[in-house]
């Protein structure tokens, strides 16, 4: 099964779960946020479906600055990317 690993900065994408779309099967969403948790009162069908399938993780608060979630997301992707072999990388270096 194809696994789609979607990392989202909820400070910038607060309305992701308000969209009328269905994420493909096998999508795992890892959400990052700053001082305000935008999902505190969200009960969208997409979010509830992801949670019921254990396909959602809300990262602990990343900090209090404007770009804290951006920084945490980039650091997390970099750490995952470094731990993968060249076939299964999260990102691809265009110079390769």
Protein backbone atom coordinates (compact mmCIF):
# COMPACT_ATOMS: atom_id res chain seq x y z
CA UNK A 1 0.00 0.00 0.00
CA UNK A 2 1.21 3.49 -0.83
CA UNK A 3 1.88 5.58 2.26
CA UNK A 4 1.49 9.33 1.94
CA UNK A 5 3.14 11.20 4.79
CA UNK A 6 1.62 14.68 4.95
CA UNK A 7 3.18 17.16 7.36
CA UNK A 8 1.05 20.27 7.84
CA UNK A 9 1.72 23.62 9.48
CA UNK A 10 -1.71 24.33 10.97
CA UNK A 11 -0.75 27.95 11.62
CA UNK A 12 -0.90 28.37 7.83
CA UNK A 13 -3.46 25.66 6.95
CA UNK A 14 -6.10 26.12 9.66
CA UNK A 15 -8.89 25.19 7.26
CA UNK A 16 -7.41 21.95 5.93
CA UNK A 17 -10.10 19.86 7.60
CA UNK A 18 -12.85 22.21 6.40
CA UNK A 19 -12.13 21.28 2.79
CA UNK A 20 -14.59 19.01 1.05
CA UNK A 21 -12.01 16.43 -0.08
CA UNK A 22 -11.14 12.87 0.78
CA UNK A 23 -7.49 12.12 1.37
CA UNK A 24 -6.20 8.99 -0.39
CA UNK A 25 -6.12 5.72 1.55
CA UNK A 26 -2.81 5.37 3.37
CA UNK A 27 -2.42 9.08 4.16
CA UNK A 28 -0.86 9.89 7.53
CA UNK A 29 -1.15 13.51 8.69
CA UNK A 30 1.37 14.97 11.14
CA UNK A 31 0.26 18.42 12.25
CA UNK A 32 2.42 21.20 13.67
CA UNK A 33 1.17 24.33 15.42
CA UNK A 34 2.38 27.35 17.35
CA UNK A 35 0.84 28.82 20.50
CA UNK A 36 -2.77 28.39 19.33
CA UNK A 37 -4.07 24.87 18.73
CA UNK A 38 -6.35 25.30 15.71
CA UNK A 39 -7.87 21.83 16.14
CA UNK A 40 -9.12 22.34 19.67
CA UNK A 41 -12.76 22.29 18.61
CA UNK A 42 -12.58 20.62 15.18
CA UNK A 43 -14.92 17.72 14.53
CA UNK A 44 -14.67 17.39 10.77
CA UNK A 45 -15.36 14.01 9.17
CA UNK A 46 -11.86 13.97 7.61
CA UNK A 47 -10.13 14.56 10.96
CA UNK A 48 -12.31 12.04 12.80
CA UNK A 49 -11.64 9.42 10.08
CA UNK A 50 -7.87 9.96 10.34
CA UNK A 51 -7.96 9.70 14.13
CA UNK A 52 -10.08 6.53 14.05
CA UNK A 53 -7.51 4.90 11.72
CA UNK A 54 -4.56 6.09 13.87
CA UNK A 55 -3.41 8.18 10.90
CA UNK A 56 -3.12 11.53 12.67
CA UNK A 57 -0.57 12.96 15.07
CA UNK A 58 -0.66 16.47 16.50
CA UNK A 59 2.88 17.53 17.38
CA UNK A 60 3.19 19.24 20.77
CA UNK A 61 3.19 23.03 20.65
CA UNK A 62 6.28 24.08 18.73
CA UNK A 63 6.89 27.41 20.46
CA UNK A 64 5.46 30.86 20.76
CA UNK A 65 7.06 32.66 17.82
CA UNK A 66 5.40 33.27 14.45
CA UNK A 67 7.49 30.69 12.59
CA UNK A 68 7.91 28.06 15.31
CA UNK A 69 5.76 25.46 13.53
CA UNK A 70 7.58 26.07 10.22
CA UNK A 71 10.94 25.49 11.91
CA UNK A 72 9.80 22.34 13.73
CA UNK A 73 8.29 20.91 10.54
CA UNK A 74 11.52 21.52 8.58
CA UNK A 75 13.68 19.98 11.32
CA UNK A 76 11.42 16.92 11.54
CA UNK A 77 11.45 16.34 7.77
CA UNK A 78 15.24 16.74 7.74
CA UNK A 79 15.67 14.16 10.53
CA UNK A 80 13.38 11.67 8.79
CA UNK A 81 15.06 12.31 5.47
CA UNK A 82 18.52 11.64 6.92
CA UNK A 83 17.34 8.34 8.38
CA UNK A 84 16.05 7.00 5.03
CA UNK A 85 17.95 5.24 2.28
CA UNK A 86 18.19 6.87 -1.15
CA UNK A 87 15.18 4.94 -2.47
CA UNK A 88 12.70 5.93 0.24
CA UNK A 89 13.61 9.53 0.90
CA UNK A 90 11.02 12.10 1.94
CA UNK A 91 12.61 14.71 -0.28
CA UNK A 92 14.70 14.42 -3.40
CA UNK A 93 17.80 16.50 -4.00
CA UNK A 94 17.57 17.82 -7.56
CA UNK A 95 21.38 17.68 -7.83
CA UNK A 96 21.36 13.84 -7.49
